[in-house]
Amino acid sequence: MDEYTADAFANRDEPISVLSLPGNETPPSDHAKGKRDRLKETISGSTSKLKDKVQDIGTQSNKEYGYSLQDRLFTKLLQQVLPEEEVEELHLPPDIRSSKYINRPRFSLPLMTNNFRRFNARIGVVFVFQNRLERLITWRKPSHTLSLLAVCTFVCLDPYILAVIPIACALFFVLVPAYLVRHPPPPQQNHASYTINGPPIAPPRIIKPAGEMSKDFFRNMRDLQNSMDDFSTIHDAFLKLITPPTNFSNEPLSSTIFLFLFLIGCLLFIISHLLPWRLIALLASWTTIAIGHPNVQQLILANHEKVITPHQKHAQSWFDTWIAHDIILDTPPESREVEVFELQHRSNGSRSDEWESWLFTPTPFDPLSSQRISGSRPKGTRFFEDVQPPGGWEWGDKKWVLDLQSREWVEERMVQGVEIEIEGERWVSDLVPAEDEGPKAGGAGRVKDWEEGDGRGRIGEWRRRRWVRMVRRKVVTNGSAGA
């Protein structure tokens, strides 16, 4: 194994540290388990994870990916063992720019392995920058950190210097080192008389990725592993801190935070131009960098239990008491009225026949409804007890109430061809068109429409009446939400 790859960026100093926050329990690592246990977990979990991920290399033969013979044989073997399943894709409109300029291959295990090797060989520059930034903030070399503070001070006092910083970085960290590489000092001589004039005497430095069998490659893997652990730890700690007060699981607390943020936003909208932002930025930068000093950290930790903890508990108690007394959330849940129509039927439409209870339906099934015109049957439930409230709602009353204002709901829906009972059971019955009865005696073929007469003897085969009931929103508690 090579010691390092020449002209490759890799963190050859300290490994990237792994954060450990109090209260976060991490699962035991695989090193603590036996070889047999790790083998069992690998075998049991690999089948379910790889079923949706294995892709045929032959379908991507037109792409220029350097798959080895071993990768192809391994993929073919997995395809024989695991059944092929279709993956549901999103039906999105085609994007000409995406299809023309961007190549988005599907998931492939050999392609994923190849991309990881390429990525890991080139990620060292990020870890070098991270390591040097940590040294600056943690005061490893006080002269460097003080120089950073001086730069931050000039930028805060005169923000126009921000335009100079990228140019200065390009000059002192890119061009000057590259020039010195081409004009190195003579070996074993006094550098006091060293001159950089004259033609270049060394080849330029070309950044190369780390070799796959070099120590730099494994250093990058080590730092990448630790960075993934850091991100997961910070992500979980951030959600643990932010989610409970902001997801309205404790509604009074979340409402208080919303109220304070709204008031602060309105206040800043008015007075933000009056605040000394340069001084605020200067104090914030100095405070942030000063906290990284080891002596300052020891001082904060030593005084935390003595000074901060007692006042923190008192402030938390006062804040909770203020929320309990001043933030009142006792508004009743939203209530609405739902309806259902009781539908009855008789075969030949004569007044002498008895009506038969048919079902309870959400629509009145009137003569000009789409269901009647298309010839379909009404849909609903046979029994009153089977009528359920809408999703997310619950019954607000104990029983259904008959709607006595039958004329109102008929006029609201502009229902035609019906006879309305103003008294009694409030049935709204269908009327048979006069064309179906034929010419009346002595009428010389005169035809009446639905609006004439009292409608006796012309009742249709369907009638309905409206029942109403109140519903209210379901109140979801923390226990029911977690279940």
Protein backbone atom coordinates (compact mmCIF):
# COMPACT_ATOMS: atom_id res chain seq x y z
CA MET A 1 0.00 0.00 0.00
CA ASP A 2 1.37 3.40 -0.98
CA GLU A 3 2.11 5.88 1.78
CA TYR A 4 0.40 8.73 -0.06
CA THR A 5 -0.55 9.89 -3.53
CA ALA A 6 1.57 12.70 -4.92
CA ASP A 7 -0.27 15.95 -5.73
CA ALA A 8 -3.50 14.71 -4.13
CA PHE A 9 -5.51 16.48 -1.47
CA ALA A 10 -5.94 14.35 1.64
CA ASN A 11 -6.18 15.07 5.35
CA ARG A 12 -2.86 13.68 6.60
CA ASP A 13 -3.18 15.40 9.98
CA GLU A 14 -5.69 14.52 12.67
CA PRO A 15 -8.76 12.45 11.76
CA ILE A 16 -12.09 14.23 11.50
CA SER A 17 -13.58 14.00 14.97
CA VAL A 18 -16.89 12.35 15.79
CA LEU A 19 -19.28 14.48 17.82
CA SER A 20 -20.89 13.06 20.94
CA LEU A 21 -23.82 15.04 22.34
CA PRO A 22 -25.34 14.30 25.75
CA GLY A 23 -28.63 12.45 25.65
CA ASN A 24 -28.08 10.94 22.20
CA GLU A 25 -27.77 7.20 22.40
CA THR A 26 -26.04 5.71 19.41
CA PRO A 27 -26.53 2.08 18.47
CA PRO A 28 -23.59 -0.22 19.07
CA SER A 29 -21.14 -0.44 16.22
CA ASP A 30 -20.53 -3.53 14.20
CA HIS A 31 -17.14 -3.94 15.83
CA ALA A 32 -18.87 -4.80 19.11
CA LYS A 33 -20.75 -7.65 17.48
CA GLY A 34 -19.46 -11.02 16.58
CA LYS A 35 -18.71 -12.11 13.08
CA ARG A 36 -21.63 -14.55 13.08
CA ASP A 37 -24.12 -11.85 14.15
CA ARG A 38 -22.90 -9.43 11.49
CA LEU A 39 -23.16 -12.16 8.86
CA LYS A 40 -26.75 -12.96 9.88
CA GLU A 41 -27.79 -9.30 9.73
CA THR A 42 -26.14 -8.87 6.34
CA ILE A 43 -27.86 -11.91 4.84
CA SER A 44 -31.28 -11.05 6.28
CA GLY A 45 -31.23 -7.41 5.21
CA SER A 46 -29.52 -7.65 1.84
CA THR A 47 -32.38 -9.41 0.04
CA SER A 48 -35.05 -6.85 0.86
CA LYS A 49 -32.76 -3.88 0.21
CA LEU A 50 -31.40 -5.07 -3.11
CA LYS A 51 -34.67 -6.18 -4.72
CA ASP A 52 -35.55 -2.65 -5.79
CA LYS A 53 -32.02 -1.54 -6.52
CA VAL A 54 -30.39 -4.05 -8.87
CA GLN A 55 -30.44 -2.90 -12.48
CA ASP A 56 -29.45 -4.72 -15.62
CA ILE A 57 -26.07 -3.64 -16.89
CA GLY A 58 -27.07 -4.68 -20.40
CA THR A 59 -29.71 -1.94 -20.57
CA GLN A 60 -26.98 0.65 -20.05
CA SER A 61 -24.41 -0.80 -22.41
CA ASN A 62 -24.55 2.36 -24.53
CA LYS A 63 -23.18 4.42 -21.62
CA GLU A 64 -19.45 4.75 -21.13
CA TYR A 65 -19.03 3.34 -17.64
CA GLY A 66 -16.00 1.20 -16.91
CA TYR A 67 -17.66 -1.86 -15.45
CA SER A 68 -15.35 -4.76 -14.78
CA LEU A 69 -16.17 -8.35 -15.61
CA GLN A 70 -16.56 -9.07 -11.91
CA ASP A 71 -19.24 -6.36 -11.55
CA ARG A 72 -21.18 -7.68 -14.53
CA LEU A 73 -21.11 -11.27 -13.28
CA PHE A 74 -22.18 -10.17 -9.80
CA THR A 75 -25.11 -8.18 -11.19
CA LYS A 76 -26.23 -11.07 -13.39
CA LEU A 77 -26.07 -13.43 -10.42
CA LEU A 78 -28.21 -11.11 -8.30
CA GLN A 79 -30.77 -10.84 -11.09
CA GLN A 80 -31.10 -14.61 -11.18
CA VAL A 81 -31.58 -14.84 -7.40
CA LEU A 82 -33.84 -11.82 -6.86
CA PRO A 83 -37.11 -11.43 -8.80
CA GLU A 84 -37.32 -8.35 -10.97
CA GLU A 85 -39.94 -5.86 -9.85
CA GLU A 86 -41.26 -2.88 -11.69
CA VAL A 87 -40.53 0.47 -10.12
CA GLU A 88 -43.34 2.99 -10.21
CA GLU A 89 -42.07 6.21 -11.73
CA LEU A 90 -43.49 9.71 -11.53
CA HIS A 91 -45.44 10.79 -14.58
CA LEU A 92 -43.90 14.23 -14.98
CA PRO A 93 -43.87 16.36 -18.12
CA PRO A 94 -40.62 15.94 -20.05
CA ASP A 95 -38.02 18.63 -19.54
CA ILE A 96 -36.08 19.36 -22.72
CA ARG A 97 -33.16 20.89 -20.86
CA SER A 98 -32.90 17.98 -18.43
CA SER A 99 -33.04 15.31 -21.14
CA LYS A 100 -30.59 17.16 -23.38
CA TYR A 101 -27.88 18.25 -20.98
CA ILE A 102 -28.25 16.05 -17.89
CA ASN A 103 -27.70 12.31 -17.71
CA ARG A 104 -29.66 10.69 -14.90
CA PRO A 105 -29.09 6.95 -14.91
CA ARG A 106 -31.13 4.70 -12.66
CA PHE A 107 -29.74 3.12 -9.55
CA SER A 108 -27.10 0.54 -10.27
CA LEU A 109 -24.90 -1.18 -7.72
CA PRO A 110 -21.75 -1.20 -9.89
CA LEU A 111 -22.35 2.43 -10.90
CA MET A 112 -22.84 3.38 -7.26
CA THR A 113 -19.58 1.65 -6.33
CA ASN A 114 -17.70 3.32 -9.15
CA ASN A 115 -19.05 6.78 -8.24
CA PHE A 116 -18.16 6.27 -4.57
CA ARG A 117 -14.58 5.38 -5.46
CA ARG A 118 -14.28 8.47 -7.66
CA PHE A 119 -15.91 10.68 -5.04
CA ASN A 120 -13.75 9.38 -2.20
CA ALA A 121 -10.58 9.93 -4.22
CA ARG A 122 -11.44 13.63 -4.70
CA ILE A 123 -13.10 14.63 -1.41
CA GLY A 124 -9.84 15.18 0.46
CA VAL A 125 -9.76 18.92 -0.21
CA VAL A 126 -12.98 19.33 1.80
CA PHE A 127 -11.50 17.53 4.80
CA VAL A 128 -8.29 19.57 4.58
CA PHE A 129 -10.34 22.77 4.65
CA GLN A 130 -12.46 21.46 7.54
CA ASN A 131 -9.40 20.48 9.56
CA ARG A 132 -7.73 23.85 9.07
CA LEU A 133 -10.93 25.70 9.94
CA GLU A 134 -11.22 23.71 13.17
CA ARG A 135 -7.64 24.64 14.03
CA LEU A 136 -8.42 28.30 13.46
CA ILE A 137 -11.53 28.30 15.63
CA THR A 138 -10.06 26.21 18.46
CA TRP A 139 -6.98 28.46 18.87
CA ARG A 140 -4.39 25.81 18.00
CA LYS A 141 -2.13 28.63 16.81
CA PRO A 142 -3.20 31.87 18.49
CA SER A 143 -1.45 34.01 15.88
CA HIS A 144 -3.60 32.50 13.11
CA THR A 145 -6.80 32.92 15.10
CA LEU A 146 -5.93 36.54 15.93
CA SER A 147 -5.34 37.15 12.24
CA LEU A 148 -8.78 35.74 11.53
CA LEU A 149 -10.23 38.08 14.17
CA ALA A 150 -8.48 41.02 12.54
CA VAL A 151 -9.95 40.12 9.15
CA CYS A 152 -13.43 39.71 10.68
CA THR A 153 -13.06 43.09 12.40
CA PHE A 154 -12.16 44.89 9.16
CA VAL A 155 -15.03 43.19 7.32
CA CYS A 156 -17.57 44.06 10.02
CA LEU A 157 -16.48 47.68 10.20
CA ASP A 158 -16.25 48.07 6.43
CA PRO A 159 -18.40 45.44 4.65
CA TYR A 160 -17.15 46.56 1.23
CA ILE A 161 -13.94 44.61 1.95
CA LEU A 162 -15.95 41.44 1.29
CA ALA A 163 -15.39 42.05 -2.43
CA VAL A 164 -11.61 41.91 -1.87
CA ILE A 165 -11.54 38.64 0.10
CA PRO A 166 -12.13 36.24 -2.84
CA ILE A 167 -9.47 38.01 -4.90
CA ALA A 168 -6.99 37.93 -2.01
CA CYS A 169 -7.64 34.23 -1.46
CA ALA A 170 -7.08 33.50 -5.14
CA LEU A 171 -3.79 35.45 -5.06
CA PHE A 172 -2.26 34.15 -1.82
CA PHE A 173 -3.63 30.61 -1.71
CA VAL A 174 -3.74 29.64 -5.40
CA LEU A 175 -1.49 31.72 -7.65
CA VAL A 176 1.43 32.45 -5.31
CA PRO A 177 1.86 28.79 -4.22
CA ALA A 178 1.57 27.67 -7.84
CA TYR A 179 4.28 30.16 -8.87
CA LEU A 180 6.58 28.99 -6.07
CA VAL A 181 6.18 25.41 -7.24
CA ARG A 182 7.54 26.37 -10.65
CA HIS A 183 10.34 28.50 -9.13
CA PRO A 184 11.57 26.45 -6.16
CA PRO A 185 14.60 27.52 -4.08
CA PRO A 186 17.94 25.84 -4.76
CA PRO A 187 18.58 22.85 -2.49
CA GLN A 188 20.95 23.22 0.49
CA GLN A 189 21.61 26.93 0.03
CA ASN A 190 20.96 30.06 2.01
CA HIS A 191 17.47 31.23 1.18
CA ALA A 192 18.35 34.82 2.09
CA SER A 193 19.82 35.31 -1.38
CA TYR A 194 17.11 33.27 -3.10
CA THR A 195 15.58 34.98 -6.15
CA ILE A 196 12.51 33.96 -8.06
CA ASN A 197 13.47 35.69 -11.25
CA GLY A 198 14.25 33.76 -14.37
CA PRO A 199 12.55 31.00 -16.29
CA PRO A 200 10.66 28.22 -14.46
CA ILE A 201 12.83 25.29 -13.42
CA ALA A 202 10.13 22.83 -12.21
CA PRO A 203 6.96 21.42 -13.74
CA PRO A 204 3.59 22.82 -12.61
CA ARG A 205 1.61 21.02 -9.97
CA ILE A 206 -1.44 19.16 -11.23
CA ILE A 207 -4.07 18.09 -8.72
CA LYS A 208 -4.71 14.38 -9.00
CA PRO A 209 -7.20 12.13 -7.23
CA ALA A 210 -5.90 9.84 -4.54
CA GLY A 211 -4.94 6.36 -5.63
CA GLU A 212 -7.37 3.62 -4.66
CA MET A 213 -4.69 1.60 -2.85
CA SER A 214 -2.97 4.54 -1.16
CA LYS A 215 -3.24 5.61 2.44
CA ASP A 216 -4.77 8.91 1.33
CA PHE A 217 -7.72 7.01 -0.11
CA PHE A 218 -8.36 5.30 3.23
CA ARG A 219 -7.80 8.54 5.10
CA ASN A 220 -10.58 10.06 3.01
CA MET A 221 -12.81 7.08 3.81
CA ARG A 222 -12.07 7.53 7.51
CA ASP A 223 -12.91 11.23 7.44
CA LEU A 224 -16.00 10.61 5.33
CA GLN A 225 -17.20 8.04 7.84
CA ASN A 226 -16.71 10.45 10.74
CA SER A 227 -18.38 13.30 8.84
CA MET A 228 -21.47 11.16 8.20
CA ASP A 229 -21.62 10.37 11.90
CA ASP A 230 -21.28 14.08 12.75
CA PHE A 231 -24.06 15.03 10.37
CA SER A 232 -26.40 12.36 11.75
CA THR A 233 -25.67 13.42 15.33
CA ILE A 234 -26.20 17.13 14.62
CA HIS A 235 -29.33 16.40 12.58
CA ASP A 236 -30.90 14.35 15.39
CA ALA A 237 -29.92 16.87 18.07
CA PHE A 238 -31.31 19.76 16.02
CA LEU A 239 -34.63 18.00 15.50
CA LYS A 240 -34.78 17.05 19.18
CA LEU A 241 -34.30 20.70 20.12
CA ILE A 242 -36.46 22.41 17.48
CA THR A 243 -39.29 19.98 16.74
CA PRO A 244 -41.18 19.82 20.10
CA PRO A 245 -41.66 23.61 20.48
CA THR A 246 -42.51 24.20 16.82
CA ASN A 247 -44.71 21.28 15.71
CA PHE A 248 -47.66 22.32 17.95
CA SER A 249 -47.52 19.11 19.99
CA ASN A 250 -47.60 21.57 22.91
CA GLU A 251 -50.00 24.05 21.35
CA PRO A 252 -49.73 26.82 23.99
CA LEU A 253 -45.92 26.80 23.75
CA SER A 254 -45.91 26.81 19.94
CA SER A 255 -48.51 29.58 19.90
CA THR A 256 -46.36 31.66 22.27
CA ILE A 257 -43.30 31.21 20.05
CA PHE A 258 -45.36 32.17 17.00
CA LEU A 259 -46.63 35.29 18.80
CA PHE A 260 -43.13 36.39 19.88
CA LEU A 261 -41.64 35.80 16.41
CA PHE A 262 -44.48 37.70 14.78
CA LEU A 263 -44.03 40.68 17.12
CA ILE A 264 -40.25 40.68 16.69
CA GLY A 265 -40.66 40.52 12.90
CA CYS A 266 -43.04 43.48 12.92
CA LEU A 267 -40.71 45.43 15.20
CA LEU A 268 -37.64 44.75 13.05
CA PHE A 269 -39.59 45.74 9.96
CA ILE A 270 -39.97 49.19 11.49
CA ILE A 271 -36.68 49.81 13.33
CA SER A 272 -34.17 47.61 11.46
CA HIS A 273 -32.64 50.66 9.75
CA LEU A 274 -31.89 52.20 13.15
CA LEU A 275 -29.86 49.27 14.53
CA PRO A 276 -26.01 49.34 14.48
CA TRP A 277 -25.60 46.21 12.36
CA ARG A 278 -21.82 46.62 12.02
CA LEU A 279 -21.35 46.63 15.78
CA ILE A 280 -23.74 43.70 16.14
CA ALA A 281 -21.82 41.70 13.52
CA LEU A 282 -18.50 42.58 15.19
CA LEU A 283 -19.68 41.43 18.62
CA ALA A 284 -21.19 38.25 17.17
CA SER A 285 -17.99 37.29 15.32
CA TRP A 286 -15.72 38.00 18.30
CA THR A 287 -18.04 36.09 20.65
CA THR A 288 -18.23 33.09 18.34
CA ILE A 289 -14.46 32.83 17.96
CA ALA A 290 -13.78 33.55 21.63
CA ILE A 291 -16.03 30.69 22.72
CA GLY A 292 -13.69 28.30 20.88
CA HIS A 293 -10.78 29.16 23.20
CA PRO A 294 -10.11 26.33 25.69
CA ASN A 295 -9.89 28.67 28.71
CA VAL A 296 -13.21 30.30 27.83
CA GLN A 297 -14.85 26.90 27.46
CA GLN A 298 -13.58 25.78 30.86
CA LEU A 299 -14.85 29.00 32.42
CA ILE A 300 -18.30 28.54 30.87
CA LEU A 301 -18.53 24.91 32.00
CA ALA A 302 -17.35 25.77 35.52
CA ASN A 303 -19.96 28.51 36.00
CA HIS A 304 -22.81 26.74 34.21
CA GLU A 305 -24.02 24.72 37.18
CA LYS A 306 -23.54 27.57 39.64
CA VAL A 307 -24.99 30.52 37.73
CA ILE A 308 -26.97 29.42 34.69
CA THR A 309 -28.80 26.30 35.92
CA PRO A 310 -30.64 27.92 38.91
CA HIS A 311 -31.75 30.91 36.85
CA GLN A 312 -32.68 28.66 33.96
CA LYS A 313 -35.06 26.63 36.11
CA HIS A 314 -36.61 29.79 37.57
CA ALA A 315 -37.05 31.35 34.12
CA GLN A 316 -38.57 28.13 32.75
CA SER A 317 -41.02 27.98 35.64
CA TRP A 318 -42.04 31.63 35.15
CA PHE A 319 -42.43 31.11 31.40
CA ASP A 320 -44.63 28.04 31.85
CA THR A 321 -46.79 29.88 34.40
CA TRP A 322 -47.20 32.84 32.07
CA ILE A 323 -48.22 30.56 29.20
CA ALA A 324 -50.75 28.73 31.38
CA HIS A 325 -52.41 32.00 32.46
CA ASP A 326 -52.17 34.22 29.39
CA ILE A 327 -52.28 31.85 26.40
CA ILE A 328 -55.85 30.55 26.28
CA LEU A 329 -56.74 28.08 23.57
CA ASP A 330 -60.27 27.04 24.50
CA THR A 331 -62.01 27.62 21.19
CA PRO A 332 -64.43 24.80 20.42
CA PRO A 333 -63.74 22.56 17.44
CA GLU A 334 -65.28 23.45 14.11
CA SER A 335 -68.86 22.22 13.63
CA ARG A 336 -70.81 21.66 10.43
CA GLU A 337 -74.09 20.19 9.31
CA VAL A 338 -74.16 17.05 7.18
CA GLU A 339 -77.13 15.63 5.32
CA VAL A 340 -78.40 12.30 4.10
CA PHE A 341 -81.48 11.51 2.03
CA GLU A 342 -83.86 8.70 2.88
CA LEU A 343 -84.95 7.16 -0.43
CA GLN A 344 -88.12 5.09 -0.92
CA HIS A 345 -89.35 3.26 -4.01
CA ARG A 346 -92.49 1.64 -5.41
CA SER A 347 -92.80 -0.32 -8.59
CA ASN A 348 -95.66 1.10 -10.73
CA GLY A 349 -96.07 4.58 -9.22
CA SER A 350 -99.77 4.20 -8.23
CA ARG A 351 -100.96 5.85 -5.04
CA SER A 352 -102.51 2.58 -3.88
CA ASP A 353 -99.13 0.80 -3.72
CA GLU A 354 -97.06 0.98 -0.57
CA TRP A 355 -93.64 2.59 -0.49
CA GLU A 356 -90.65 0.39 0.19
CA SER A 357 -87.62 1.70 2.11
CA TRP A 358 -84.71 1.58 -0.31
CA LEU A 359 -81.55 3.13 1.13
CA PHE A 360 -79.90 6.24 2.55
CA THR A 361 -77.91 8.17 -0.03
CA PRO A 362 -75.87 11.41 0.03
CA THR A 363 -77.68 12.77 -3.06
CA PRO A 364 -81.44 13.34 -3.52
CA PHE A 365 -81.57 11.19 -6.72
CA ASP A 366 -83.93 13.67 -8.36
CA PRO A 367 -85.40 13.10 -11.86
CA LEU A 368 -82.84 15.31 -13.62
CA SER A 369 -79.76 14.06 -11.76
CA SER A 370 -76.88 12.53 -13.66
CA GLN A 371 -77.53 9.13 -12.09
CA ARG A 372 -81.14 9.08 -13.26
CA ILE A 373 -80.28 10.27 -16.75
CA SER A 374 -77.54 7.65 -17.15
CA GLY A 375 -79.86 4.92 -15.87
CA SER A 376 -77.64 3.90 -12.92
CA ARG A 377 -78.98 2.85 -9.54
CA PRO A 378 -78.64 5.00 -6.42
CA LYS A 379 -75.71 4.32 -4.10
CA GLY A 380 -75.83 4.34 -0.34
CA THR A 381 -76.47 2.20 2.74
CA ARG A 382 -79.54 0.25 3.74
CA PHE A 383 -79.67 1.18 7.42
CA PHE A 384 -79.47 4.47 9.27
CA GLU A 385 -76.88 3.09 11.71
CA ASP A 386 -74.43 2.44 8.88
CA VAL A 387 -74.18 6.13 7.91
CA GLN A 388 -70.71 7.31 9.00
CA PRO A 389 -69.39 10.87 9.48
CA PRO A 390 -66.85 12.27 7.00
CA GLY A 391 -63.19 11.48 7.50
CA GLY A 392 -61.62 13.52 10.30
CA TRP A 393 -65.02 14.36 11.81
CA GLU A 394 -67.18 12.89 14.57
CA TRP A 395 -70.85 13.14 15.45
CA GLY A 396 -71.82 16.24 17.42
CA ASP A 397 -75.45 15.19 18.06
CA LYS A 398 -76.91 11.95 19.28
CA LYS A 399 -79.45 11.44 16.49
CA TRP A 400 -80.58 12.61 13.07
CA VAL A 401 -83.18 15.35 12.72
CA LEU A 402 -85.74 15.52 9.91
CA ASP A 403 -85.47 18.66 7.81
CA LEU A 404 -88.91 20.29 7.97
CA GLN A 405 -88.01 22.95 5.42
CA SER A 406 -88.28 20.66 2.42
CA ARG A 407 -89.13 23.46 -0.01
CA GLU A 408 -85.88 25.29 0.81
CA TRP A 409 -83.48 22.50 -0.09
CA VAL A 410 -85.51 21.75 -3.24
CA GLU A 411 -85.25 25.38 -4.37
CA GLU A 412 -81.55 25.58 -3.44
CA ARG A 413 -80.76 22.60 -5.64
CA MET A 414 -83.23 23.77 -8.33
CA VAL A 415 -84.86 20.34 -8.36
CA GLN A 416 -87.66 20.06 -10.94
CA GLY A 417 -90.39 17.53 -11.64
CA VAL A 418 -91.22 16.83 -7.98
CA GLU A 419 -94.13 17.25 -5.59
CA ILE A 420 -93.31 18.74 -2.16
CA GLU A 421 -95.09 17.94 1.09
CA ILE A 422 -95.24 21.11 3.16
CA GLU A 423 -96.77 19.26 6.12
CA GLY A 424 -96.57 15.75 7.46
CA GLU A 425 -93.50 13.64 6.72
CA ARG A 426 -91.98 16.13 4.25
CA TRP A 427 -91.55 13.73 1.37
CA VAL A 428 -90.45 15.08 -2.00
CA SER A 429 -91.93 12.74 -4.63
CA ASP A 430 -91.25 12.41 -8.34
CA LEU A 431 -93.95 13.42 -10.83
CA VAL A 432 -94.68 11.41 -13.96
CA PRO A 433 -94.49 13.55 -17.12
CA ALA A 434 -97.88 14.19 -18.75
CA GLU A 435 -96.65 12.60 -21.99
CA ASP A 436 -96.58 9.22 -20.24
CA GLU A 437 -100.31 9.39 -19.31
CA GLY A 438 -101.72 9.87 -22.83
CA PRO A 439 -104.56 12.28 -23.87
CA LYS A 440 -107.29 12.94 -21.31
CA ALA A 441 -110.99 12.30 -22.11
CA GLY A 442 -112.74 15.41 -23.40
CA GLY A 443 -109.42 17.17 -23.62
CA ALA A 444 -108.99 16.68 -27.38
CA GLY A 445 -105.46 15.52 -26.84
CA ARG A 446 -104.48 18.40 -24.53
CA VAL A 447 -101.28 17.67 -22.66
CA LYS A 448 -100.46 19.11 -19.22
CA ASP A 449 -96.97 19.74 -18.04
CA TRP A 450 -95.53 19.17 -14.53
CA GLU A 451 -96.40 22.57 -13.24
CA GLU A 452 -100.16 22.36 -13.77
CA GLY A 453 -102.76 20.92 -11.37
CA ASP A 454 -102.20 19.27 -8.02
CA GLY A 455 -100.44 16.24 -9.44
CA ARG A 456 -102.88 13.63 -8.17
CA GLY A 457 -102.49 10.28 -9.84
CA ARG A 458 -99.13 11.22 -11.38
CA ILE A 459 -96.68 10.32 -8.56
CA GLY A 460 -93.47 8.66 -9.76
CA GLU A 461 -91.69 5.66 -8.35
CA TRP A 462 -89.16 7.50 -6.14
CA ARG A 463 -89.49 9.83 -3.20
CA ARG A 464 -87.02 11.18 -0.67
CA ARG A 465 -86.70 13.33 2.40
CA ARG A 466 -83.73 15.04 4.01
CA TRP A 467 -82.17 14.28 7.40
CA VAL A 468 -79.49 16.47 8.99
CA ARG A 469 -77.01 16.01 11.80
CA MET A 470 -74.17 18.06 13.30
CA VAL A 471 -70.55 16.93 13.11
CA ARG A 472 -67.40 18.41 14.64
CA ARG A 473 -63.71 18.09 14.01
CA LYS A 474 -61.92 15.28 15.79
CA VAL A 475 -59.56 16.51 18.49
CA VAL A 476 -56.27 14.65 18.06
CA THR A 477 -54.23 14.37 21.25
CA ASN A 478 -50.54 13.53 21.50
CA GLY A 479 -51.32 9.99 22.57
CA SER A 480 -53.67 9.28 19.68
CA ALA A 481 -51.30 10.93 17.21
CA GLY A 482 -48.45 8.72 18.34
CA ALA A 483 -50.61 5.61 18.11
